[in-house]
């Protein structure tokens, strides 16, 4: 299921990253790698605040929907 459906505060593991190679490389550079854990901290407007590798990252929902958990 896409990351956009994850509940706030629940730890999930990344199974797959969808999109073109540039998109995959961009998300990997932010710490979103297959097998890694990701937690939704909060949702504000059309953005999601995510905790990944002991840091917080903000993504819009269209980018977050490319991350499959």
N, C-alpha and C. Protein backbone atom coordinates (compact mmCIF):
# COMPACT_ATOMS: atom_id res chain seq x y z
N UNK A 1 0.85 -1.18 0.00
CA UNK A 1 0.00 0.00 0.00
C UNK A 1 0.90 1.23 0.00
N UNK A 2 0.44 2.33 -0.58
CA UNK A 2 1.25 3.56 -0.61
C UNK A 2 1.43 4.17 0.78
N UNK A 3 2.51 4.86 0.96
CA UNK A 3 2.82 5.50 2.25
C UNK A 3 1.74 6.49 2.67
N UNK A 4 1.01 7.04 1.73
CA UNK A 4 -0.03 8.02 2.05
C UNK A 4 -1.15 7.42 2.89
N UNK A 5 -1.29 6.09 2.93
CA UNK A 5 -2.33 5.43 3.72
C UNK A 5 -1.84 5.02 5.11
N UNK A 6 -0.59 5.27 5.43
CA UNK A 6 -0.04 4.88 6.74
C UNK A 6 -0.63 5.74 7.84
N UNK A 7 -0.77 5.14 9.01
CA UNK A 7 -1.28 5.87 10.17
C UNK A 7 -0.16 6.64 10.84
N UNK A 8 -0.51 7.78 11.41
CA UNK A 8 0.47 8.62 12.10
C UNK A 8 1.03 7.89 13.31
N UNK A 9 2.36 7.89 13.44
CA UNK A 9 3.02 7.28 14.58
C UNK A 9 3.32 5.81 14.43
N UNK A 10 2.88 5.18 13.36
CA UNK A 10 3.08 3.75 13.16
C UNK A 10 4.33 3.52 12.30
N UNK A 11 5.22 2.65 12.76
CA UNK A 11 6.44 2.36 12.01
C UNK A 11 6.12 1.38 10.88
N UNK A 12 6.59 1.69 9.68
CA UNK A 12 6.39 0.84 8.51
C UNK A 12 7.72 0.59 7.83
N UNK A 13 7.76 -0.43 7.00
CA UNK A 13 8.97 -0.76 6.27
C UNK A 13 8.72 -0.61 4.77
N UNK A 14 9.69 -0.04 4.08
CA UNK A 14 9.57 0.23 2.66
C UNK A 14 9.79 -1.07 1.88
N UNK A 15 8.81 -1.40 1.03
CA UNK A 15 8.90 -2.61 0.21
C UNK A 15 9.36 -2.31 -1.21
N UNK A 16 8.98 -1.12 -1.71
CA UNK A 16 9.29 -0.79 -3.10
C UNK A 16 9.18 0.71 -3.30
N UNK A 17 9.95 1.23 -4.25
CA UNK A 17 9.84 2.63 -4.62
C UNK A 17 9.51 2.69 -6.10
N UNK A 18 8.42 3.37 -6.42
CA UNK A 18 7.94 3.46 -7.80
C UNK A 18 8.41 4.74 -8.45
N UNK A 19 8.43 4.77 -9.77
CA UNK A 19 8.78 5.98 -10.49
C UNK A 19 9.99 5.80 -11.38
N UNK A 20 10.37 6.89 -12.02
CA UNK A 20 11.53 6.87 -12.90
C UNK A 20 12.81 6.81 -12.08
N UNK A 21 13.93 6.53 -12.75
CA UNK A 21 15.21 6.40 -12.07
C UNK A 21 15.59 7.67 -11.30
N UNK A 22 15.30 8.84 -11.88
CA UNK A 22 15.63 10.09 -11.19
C UNK A 22 14.86 10.21 -9.88
N UNK A 23 13.58 9.83 -9.90
CA UNK A 23 12.76 9.88 -8.70
C UNK A 23 13.27 8.91 -7.65
N UNK A 24 13.61 7.71 -8.06
CA UNK A 24 14.13 6.71 -7.13
C UNK A 24 15.43 7.18 -6.49
N UNK A 25 16.33 7.74 -7.30
CA UNK A 25 17.61 8.24 -6.77
C UNK A 25 17.39 9.39 -5.79
N UNK A 26 16.45 10.28 -6.11
CA UNK A 26 16.15 11.40 -5.21
C UNK A 26 15.66 10.89 -3.86
N UNK A 27 14.71 9.95 -3.87
CA UNK A 27 14.18 9.43 -2.61
C UNK A 27 15.25 8.64 -1.85
N UNK A 28 16.10 7.91 -2.56
CA UNK A 28 17.18 7.18 -1.89
C UNK A 28 18.17 8.14 -1.24
N UNK A 29 18.41 9.28 -1.87
CA UNK A 29 19.33 10.26 -1.30
C UNK A 29 18.78 10.87 -0.01
N UNK A 30 17.45 10.85 0.13
CA UNK A 30 16.82 11.34 1.36
C UNK A 30 16.75 10.27 2.45
N UNK A 31 17.09 9.02 2.10
CA UNK A 31 17.10 7.94 3.08
C UNK A 31 16.01 6.90 2.88
N UNK A 32 15.19 7.06 1.86
CA UNK A 32 14.11 6.10 1.61
C UNK A 32 14.65 4.96 0.76
N UNK A 33 15.04 3.87 1.43
CA UNK A 33 15.59 2.71 0.73
C UNK A 33 14.74 1.48 1.07
N UNK A 34 14.71 0.53 0.15
CA UNK A 34 13.94 -0.70 0.34
C UNK A 34 14.45 -1.42 1.59
N UNK A 35 13.54 -1.80 2.47
CA UNK A 35 13.88 -2.46 3.72
C UNK A 35 14.04 -1.50 4.88
N UNK A 36 14.13 -0.22 4.61
CA UNK A 36 14.28 0.78 5.66
C UNK A 36 12.95 1.10 6.32
N UNK A 37 13.03 1.61 7.53
CA UNK A 37 11.80 1.96 8.25
C UNK A 37 11.45 3.42 8.03
N UNK A 38 10.15 3.70 8.06
CA UNK A 38 9.65 5.06 7.89
C UNK A 38 8.42 5.22 8.79
N UNK A 39 8.31 6.37 9.44
CA UNK A 39 7.19 6.66 10.32
C UNK A 39 6.58 8.01 9.94
N UNK A 40 5.26 8.05 9.84
CA UNK A 40 4.57 9.31 9.58
C UNK A 40 4.48 10.08 10.89
N UNK A 41 5.09 11.27 10.92
CA UNK A 41 5.07 12.10 12.11
C UNK A 41 3.79 12.93 12.14
N UNK A 42 3.47 13.58 11.01
CA UNK A 42 2.25 14.37 10.91
C UNK A 42 1.93 14.66 9.45
N UNK A 43 0.70 15.13 9.25
CA UNK A 43 0.27 15.53 7.92
C UNK A 43 -0.25 16.96 8.00
N UNK A 44 0.29 17.82 7.17
CA UNK A 44 -0.11 19.23 7.15
C UNK A 44 -0.48 19.61 5.73
N UNK A 45 -1.73 19.94 5.50
CA UNK A 45 -2.17 20.30 4.16
C UNK A 45 -1.96 19.14 3.21
N UNK A 46 -1.22 19.34 2.14
CA UNK A 46 -0.93 18.27 1.20
C UNK A 46 0.44 17.67 1.41
N UNK A 47 1.05 17.93 2.57
CA UNK A 47 2.41 17.44 2.84
C UNK A 47 2.42 16.45 3.99
N UNK A 48 3.44 15.60 4.00
CA UNK A 48 3.62 14.63 5.08
C UNK A 48 5.00 14.86 5.69
N UNK A 49 5.06 14.86 7.01
CA UNK A 49 6.33 14.91 7.72
C UNK A 49 6.66 13.47 8.10
N UNK A 50 7.82 12.99 7.64
CA UNK A 50 8.19 11.60 7.83
C UNK A 50 9.49 11.50 8.61
N UNK A 51 9.60 10.47 9.42
CA UNK A 51 10.83 10.19 10.15
C UNK A 51 11.50 9.00 9.47
N UNK A 52 12.71 9.23 8.96
CA UNK A 52 13.47 8.18 8.29
C UNK A 52 14.94 8.34 8.66
N UNK A 53 15.56 7.26 9.09
CA UNK A 53 16.98 7.26 9.48
C UNK A 53 17.30 8.37 10.46
N UNK A 54 16.55 8.47 11.52
CA UNK A 54 16.76 9.45 12.60
C UNK A 54 16.74 10.90 12.14
N UNK A 55 16.03 11.19 11.07
CA UNK A 55 15.84 12.57 10.65
C UNK A 55 14.42 12.74 10.14
N UNK A 56 13.98 13.98 10.02
CA UNK A 56 12.62 14.25 9.54
C UNK A 56 12.69 14.85 8.15
N UNK A 57 11.79 14.36 7.31
CA UNK A 57 11.75 14.80 5.91
C UNK A 57 10.30 15.15 5.57
N UNK A 58 10.11 16.23 4.83
CA UNK A 58 8.77 16.60 4.37
C UNK A 58 8.65 16.25 2.89
N UNK A 59 7.58 15.54 2.54
CA UNK A 59 7.28 15.19 1.15
C UNK A 59 5.84 15.55 0.86
N UNK A 60 5.56 15.94 -0.39
CA UNK A 60 4.17 16.13 -0.76
C UNK A 60 3.56 14.75 -1.01
N UNK A 61 2.24 14.69 -0.98
CA UNK A 61 1.57 13.39 -1.06
C UNK A 61 1.79 12.69 -2.39
N UNK A 62 1.99 13.44 -3.48
CA UNK A 62 2.23 12.78 -4.77
C UNK A 62 3.58 12.05 -4.75
N UNK A 63 4.58 12.59 -4.08
CA UNK A 63 5.88 11.93 -3.96
C UNK A 63 5.78 10.79 -2.97
N UNK A 64 5.08 10.98 -1.86
CA UNK A 64 4.94 9.93 -0.85
C UNK A 64 4.17 8.73 -1.39
N UNK A 65 3.28 8.96 -2.35
CA UNK A 65 2.50 7.84 -2.90
C UNK A 65 3.36 6.90 -3.74
N UNK A 66 4.57 7.32 -4.10
CA UNK A 66 5.49 6.46 -4.85
C UNK A 66 6.24 5.48 -3.96
N UNK A 67 6.11 5.65 -2.64
CA UNK A 67 6.77 4.77 -1.69
C UNK A 67 5.75 3.73 -1.24
N UNK A 68 6.05 2.45 -1.49
CA UNK A 68 5.14 1.36 -1.15
C UNK A 68 5.63 0.72 0.15
N UNK A 69 4.70 0.57 1.10
CA UNK A 69 5.06 -0.04 2.40
C UNK A 69 4.34 -1.37 2.57
